Amino acid sequence: MKKASLAGAFFVSAIWLSAAQAFCPTPAGLTSVSVQRVVDGDTLRLNDGRNVRMIGLNTPELGKQGRSDEPFAVAARKRLQALVDESGGRVGLRPGKQAKDHYGRTLAHVYSVSGVNLEAQMLADGLGFHVAVAPNVDLVACQQAAERSARQAGVGLWRQSPVRKAQEIQRSGFAVVSGRVSKVQRNRGGIWIELQDRVVLRVAPNLLGRFDSADLEALKGRQIEARGWVVDRSRRGGLQKGQARWLLPLTDPSMLHVPR
């Protein structure tokens, strides 16, 4: 019985590995590096001293400065640690077109020694959200597919919908928000999409070329879903009367979804 169980477990694991690789196939010419430790569900510390922020993946935050861990934050770190351990403590890096973020972290796609894209694996496990920040958007389609599989299966953080209604937003930080578009406005600051007078989405002027402006302007009255890092405009002292308090900058068209 033990042999049969082990064989069955290996068979299931092999199928899962194949499915995970199908989301984001392994590229050639990866740089092999050694991992010193897993910082959290989307960040690695390398033996050479670099911190690597995984492109396309945003996992729940571990508690800092007295705050509690967000749901699934610990599970995400443990899962990434297990994936790194299974890879013998070494991973392959595919650097992003933008090499570093504003914290000085290296931006890269991360692969196991067997060729699995670890961002896609984490997304398929339901332990993180797909995010896209131009210009590092090469794997958007396959990573979206990985998240979609977890969402449809209701695994991980998708067991109970993490999508929040616009009127429920009460703090800054990453969020997936749904709401009906009450207003669309274009000015020198870009395109502004207001959700029920509560949250406003912004496409900055330098990103307008990535979006279909006509489609955005036709969103009024539509129910939509958006994701990104919410900012409290009142803390900047620039909130004017009648403006929505919460701002969510859109960094790529894939961060906006319009249900059919």
Protein backbone atom coordinates (compact mmCIF):
# COMPACT_ATOMS: atom_id res chain seq x y z
CA MET A 1 0.00 0.00 0.00
CA LYS A 2 2.81 2.40 0.85
CA LYS A 3 4.49 1.82 -2.50
CA ALA A 4 1.21 2.32 -4.32
CA SER A 5 0.52 5.55 -2.42
CA LEU A 6 3.98 6.92 -3.15
CA ALA A 7 3.67 6.03 -6.80
CA GLY A 8 0.29 7.76 -6.94
CA ALA A 9 1.66 10.86 -5.26
CA PHE A 10 4.56 11.00 -7.71
CA PHE A 11 2.17 10.61 -10.65
CA VAL A 12 -0.02 13.50 -9.44
CA SER A 13 3.09 15.62 -8.79
CA ALA A 14 4.35 14.93 -12.31
CA ILE A 15 1.03 15.97 -13.83
CA TRP A 16 1.01 19.18 -11.74
CA LEU A 17 4.59 19.98 -12.75
CA SER A 18 3.67 19.57 -16.41
CA ALA A 19 0.61 21.79 -15.99
CA ALA A 20 2.63 24.47 -14.21
CA GLN A 21 5.23 24.55 -16.97
CA ALA A 22 2.45 24.88 -19.55
CA PHE A 23 1.46 28.25 -18.07
CA CYS A 24 4.86 29.87 -18.65
CA PRO A 25 7.32 27.75 -20.68
CA THR A 26 10.98 27.78 -19.70
CA PRO A 27 13.10 30.31 -21.65
CA ALA A 28 16.68 29.69 -22.68
CA GLY A 29 19.71 31.38 -21.16
CA LEU A 30 18.62 31.64 -17.54
CA THR A 31 21.19 32.82 -15.00
CA SER A 32 21.54 30.30 -12.16
CA VAL A 33 21.81 31.81 -8.66
CA SER A 34 21.87 30.53 -5.09
CA VAL A 35 19.13 31.57 -2.66
CA GLN A 36 20.18 32.60 0.84
CA ARG A 37 16.64 32.88 2.21
CA VAL A 38 13.01 33.43 1.31
CA VAL A 39 11.99 36.87 2.58
CA ASP A 40 8.27 36.52 1.90
CA GLY A 41 5.96 35.04 -0.73
CA ASP A 42 7.32 37.14 -3.60
CA THR A 43 10.86 38.14 -2.56
CA LEU A 44 14.13 36.21 -2.37
CA ARG A 45 17.47 37.11 -0.82
CA LEU A 46 20.39 35.75 -2.85
CA ASN A 47 23.81 34.67 -1.58
CA ASP A 48 25.36 37.50 -3.59
CA GLY A 49 23.42 40.02 -1.47
CA ARG A 50 20.72 40.94 -3.96
CA ASN A 51 17.03 41.00 -3.08
CA VAL A 52 14.90 39.71 -5.96
CA ARG A 53 11.30 40.85 -6.35
CA MET A 54 9.45 38.32 -8.49
CA ILE A 55 7.80 39.91 -11.53
CA GLY A 56 4.05 39.47 -11.94
CA LEU A 57 3.32 38.20 -8.43
CA ASN A 58 2.07 40.04 -5.36
CA THR A 59 1.50 37.96 -2.24
CA PRO A 60 -0.22 38.98 1.02
CA GLU A 61 1.96 41.02 3.38
CA LEU A 62 3.64 39.63 6.48
CA GLY A 63 2.99 41.67 9.62
CA LYS A 64 5.42 44.50 10.33
CA GLN A 65 5.63 47.21 12.99
CA GLY A 66 2.98 45.56 15.16
CA ARG A 67 0.60 44.74 12.32
CA SER A 68 -0.84 41.25 11.91
CA ASP A 69 0.02 39.00 8.98
CA GLU A 70 -2.46 39.27 6.13
CA PRO A 71 -4.40 36.06 5.37
CA PHE A 72 -2.23 33.53 3.47
CA ALA A 73 0.95 35.59 3.93
CA VAL A 74 2.67 32.89 6.00
CA ALA A 75 1.35 30.14 3.73
CA ALA A 76 2.78 31.97 0.70
CA ARG A 77 6.22 32.29 2.27
CA LYS A 78 6.22 28.62 3.29
CA ARG A 79 5.16 27.52 -0.20
CA LEU A 80 7.86 29.59 -1.89
CA GLN A 81 10.40 28.19 0.59
CA ALA A 82 9.28 24.66 -0.31
CA LEU A 83 9.63 25.40 -4.03
CA VAL A 84 13.13 26.78 -3.51
CA ASP A 85 14.07 23.76 -1.38
CA GLU A 86 12.74 21.39 -4.06
CA SER A 87 14.99 23.27 -6.49
CA GLY A 88 18.04 22.54 -4.34
CA GLY A 89 18.33 26.14 -3.16
CA ARG A 90 19.17 27.35 -6.67
CA VAL A 91 16.90 29.12 -9.14
CA GLY A 92 17.15 30.60 -12.62
CA LEU A 93 16.58 34.31 -13.20
CA ARG A 94 15.18 36.09 -16.23
CA PRO A 95 15.71 39.83 -15.58
CA GLY A 96 12.96 42.29 -16.40
CA LYS A 97 13.24 45.09 -18.94
CA GLN A 98 13.20 47.36 -15.92
CA ALA A 99 16.04 45.87 -13.88
CA LYS A 100 15.27 47.34 -10.45
CA ASP A 101 12.37 48.82 -8.51
CA HIS A 102 12.43 52.03 -6.46
CA TYR A 103 13.58 50.04 -3.42
CA GLY A 104 16.68 48.88 -5.29
CA ARG A 105 15.49 45.28 -5.56
CA THR A 106 16.31 43.24 -8.65
CA LEU A 107 13.20 42.59 -10.76
CA ALA A 108 13.19 39.16 -12.38
CA HIS A 109 11.15 36.12 -13.32
CA VAL A 110 12.24 33.14 -11.24
CA TYR A 111 12.41 29.51 -12.38
CA SER A 112 13.14 26.25 -10.60
CA VAL A 113 15.92 23.95 -11.81
CA SER A 114 13.20 21.86 -13.50
CA GLY A 115 12.02 24.89 -15.49
CA VAL A 116 8.86 25.87 -13.60
CA ASN A 117 8.10 29.58 -13.43
CA LEU A 118 7.68 30.10 -9.70
CA GLU A 119 5.41 33.13 -10.06
CA ALA A 120 2.98 31.05 -12.15
CA GLN A 121 3.20 28.21 -9.65
CA MET A 122 2.37 30.51 -6.73
CA LEU A 123 -0.52 32.02 -8.69
CA ALA A 124 -1.84 28.57 -9.61
CA ASP A 125 -1.67 27.63 -5.91
CA GLY A 126 -3.87 30.62 -5.11
CA LEU A 127 -1.21 32.20 -2.89
CA GLY A 128 -0.82 35.52 -4.66
CA PHE A 129 -2.32 37.98 -7.11
CA HIS A 130 -1.20 38.57 -10.66
CA VAL A 131 0.12 42.11 -11.15
CA ALA A 132 1.60 43.85 -14.18
CA VAL A 133 3.76 46.96 -14.11
CA ALA A 134 5.07 48.18 -17.46
CA PRO A 135 7.56 47.58 -18.97
CA ASN A 136 7.89 44.17 -17.21
CA VAL A 137 4.84 42.61 -18.84
CA ASP A 138 6.25 39.83 -21.05
CA LEU A 139 4.55 36.98 -19.13
CA VAL A 140 1.20 38.65 -18.48
CA ALA A 141 -0.89 36.15 -20.48
CA CYS A 142 0.52 32.96 -18.97
CA GLN A 143 0.53 34.35 -15.43
CA GLN A 144 -3.07 35.51 -15.82
CA ALA A 145 -3.95 31.97 -16.91
CA ALA A 146 -2.27 30.57 -13.79
CA GLU A 147 -4.26 32.88 -11.51
CA ARG A 148 -7.47 32.14 -13.43
CA SER A 149 -7.05 28.41 -12.79
CA ALA A 150 -6.79 29.04 -9.02
CA ARG A 151 -9.74 31.41 -9.06
CA GLN A 152 -11.94 28.96 -10.94
CA ALA A 153 -10.94 26.14 -8.58
CA GLY A 154 -11.48 28.30 -5.49
CA VAL A 155 -8.12 27.49 -3.94
CA GLY A 156 -5.99 29.53 -1.54
CA LEU A 157 -7.03 33.14 -1.22
CA TRP A 158 -9.79 32.50 -3.77
CA ARG A 159 -11.70 30.18 -1.39
CA GLN A 160 -13.55 33.29 -0.32
CA SER A 161 -13.51 36.14 -2.81
CA PRO A 162 -10.87 38.76 -1.92
CA VAL A 163 -12.53 41.24 -4.30
CA ARG A 164 -13.73 44.28 -2.37
CA LYS A 165 -16.51 46.65 -3.35
CA ALA A 166 -15.43 50.23 -3.96
CA GLN A 167 -17.38 51.47 -0.93
CA GLU A 168 -15.51 48.99 1.30
CA ILE A 169 -12.07 50.49 0.66
CA GLN A 170 -10.85 52.08 3.88
CA ARG A 171 -7.05 51.94 3.76
CA SER A 172 -4.06 52.12 1.45
CA GLY A 173 -2.36 49.04 0.06
CA PHE A 174 -2.93 46.41 -2.60
CA ALA A 175 -6.54 45.62 -3.41
CA VAL A 176 -8.78 44.05 -6.03
CA VAL A 177 -11.76 46.38 -6.31
CA SER A 178 -15.12 46.11 -8.05
CA GLY A 179 -17.65 48.80 -8.74
CA ARG A 180 -19.79 50.59 -11.29
CA VAL A 181 -18.17 53.41 -13.25
CA SER A 182 -19.90 56.68 -12.43
CA LYS A 183 -17.64 59.02 -14.39
CA VAL A 184 -14.76 58.98 -16.93
CA GLN A 185 -12.73 62.12 -17.40
CA ARG A 186 -9.64 62.95 -19.46
CA ASN A 187 -7.32 65.86 -18.73
CA ARG A 188 -3.62 66.69 -18.56
CA GLY A 189 -3.30 64.23 -15.67
CA GLY A 190 -4.42 61.30 -17.83
CA ILE A 191 -7.69 59.38 -17.78
CA TRP A 192 -9.67 59.15 -14.53
CA ILE A 193 -12.27 56.42 -14.01
CA GLU A 194 -14.44 56.98 -10.96
CA LEU A 195 -16.17 54.11 -9.17
CA GLN A 196 -19.32 55.14 -7.33
CA ASP A 197 -17.74 58.39 -6.06
CA ARG A 198 -15.51 56.33 -3.77
CA VAL A 199 -12.45 55.14 -5.70
CA VAL A 200 -10.87 56.70 -8.78
CA LEU A 201 -8.65 54.76 -11.18
CA ARG A 202 -5.96 56.71 -13.00
CA VAL A 203 -4.11 55.99 -16.23
CA ALA A 204 -1.11 58.32 -16.21
CA PRO A 205 -0.23 60.23 -19.40
CA ASN A 206 2.95 58.20 -19.97
CA LEU A 207 0.90 54.95 -19.98
CA LEU A 208 -1.97 56.07 -22.22
CA GLY A 209 -0.31 54.46 -25.24
CA ARG A 210 -0.73 51.03 -23.63
CA PHE A 211 -4.49 51.46 -23.23
CA ASP A 212 -7.37 51.86 -25.69
CA SER A 213 -8.61 55.31 -24.73
CA ALA A 214 -11.94 54.87 -26.55
CA ASP A 215 -12.65 51.69 -24.59
CA LEU A 216 -11.83 53.43 -21.32
CA GLU A 217 -14.09 56.38 -22.13
CA ALA A 218 -16.93 53.93 -22.92
CA LEU A 219 -16.83 52.38 -19.44
CA LYS A 220 -19.34 54.77 -17.86
CA GLY A 221 -22.18 52.76 -16.35
CA ARG A 222 -20.28 49.46 -16.62
CA GLN A 223 -19.42 47.15 -13.73
CA ILE A 224 -15.66 46.61 -13.68
CA GLU A 225 -12.90 45.05 -11.59
CA ALA A 226 -9.51 46.68 -11.07
CA ARG A 227 -6.42 45.87 -9.05
CA GLY A 228 -3.41 47.75 -7.85
CA TRP A 229 -1.99 49.73 -4.94
CA VAL A 230 -4.57 52.06 -3.43
CA VAL A 231 -3.39 55.48 -2.22
CA ASP A 232 -5.14 57.75 0.29
CA ARG A 233 -5.24 61.12 -1.47
CA SER A 234 -6.24 62.96 1.68
CA ARG A 235 -2.82 62.26 3.23
CA ARG A 236 -1.12 64.20 0.46
CA GLY A 237 -3.17 67.28 1.18
CA GLY A 238 -4.34 67.44 -2.43
CA LEU A 239 -7.90 66.18 -2.03
CA GLN A 240 -10.42 68.73 -3.24
CA LYS A 241 -14.09 68.87 -2.44
CA GLY A 242 -16.08 66.35 -4.42
CA GLN A 243 -13.08 64.18 -5.30
CA ALA A 244 -12.85 60.48 -4.43
CA ARG A 245 -10.53 59.90 -1.49
CA TRP A 246 -8.99 56.67 -2.74
CA LEU A 247 -6.77 56.56 -5.83
CA LEU A 248 -5.77 53.37 -7.64
CA PRO A 249 -3.20 53.92 -10.43
CA LEU A 250 -3.57 51.46 -13.32
CA THR A 251 -0.13 50.22 -14.41
CA ASP A 252 -1.19 47.97 -17.32
CA PRO A 253 -4.42 47.08 -19.18
CA SER A 254 -4.36 43.63 -17.56
CA MET A 255 -4.98 45.30 -14.18
CA LEU A 256 -8.49 46.21 -15.39
CA HIS A 257 -11.19 43.65 -16.12
CA VAL A 258 -14.62 44.30 -17.63
CA PRO A 259 -16.97 41.30 -17.17
CA ARG A 260 -18.90 40.35 -20.26
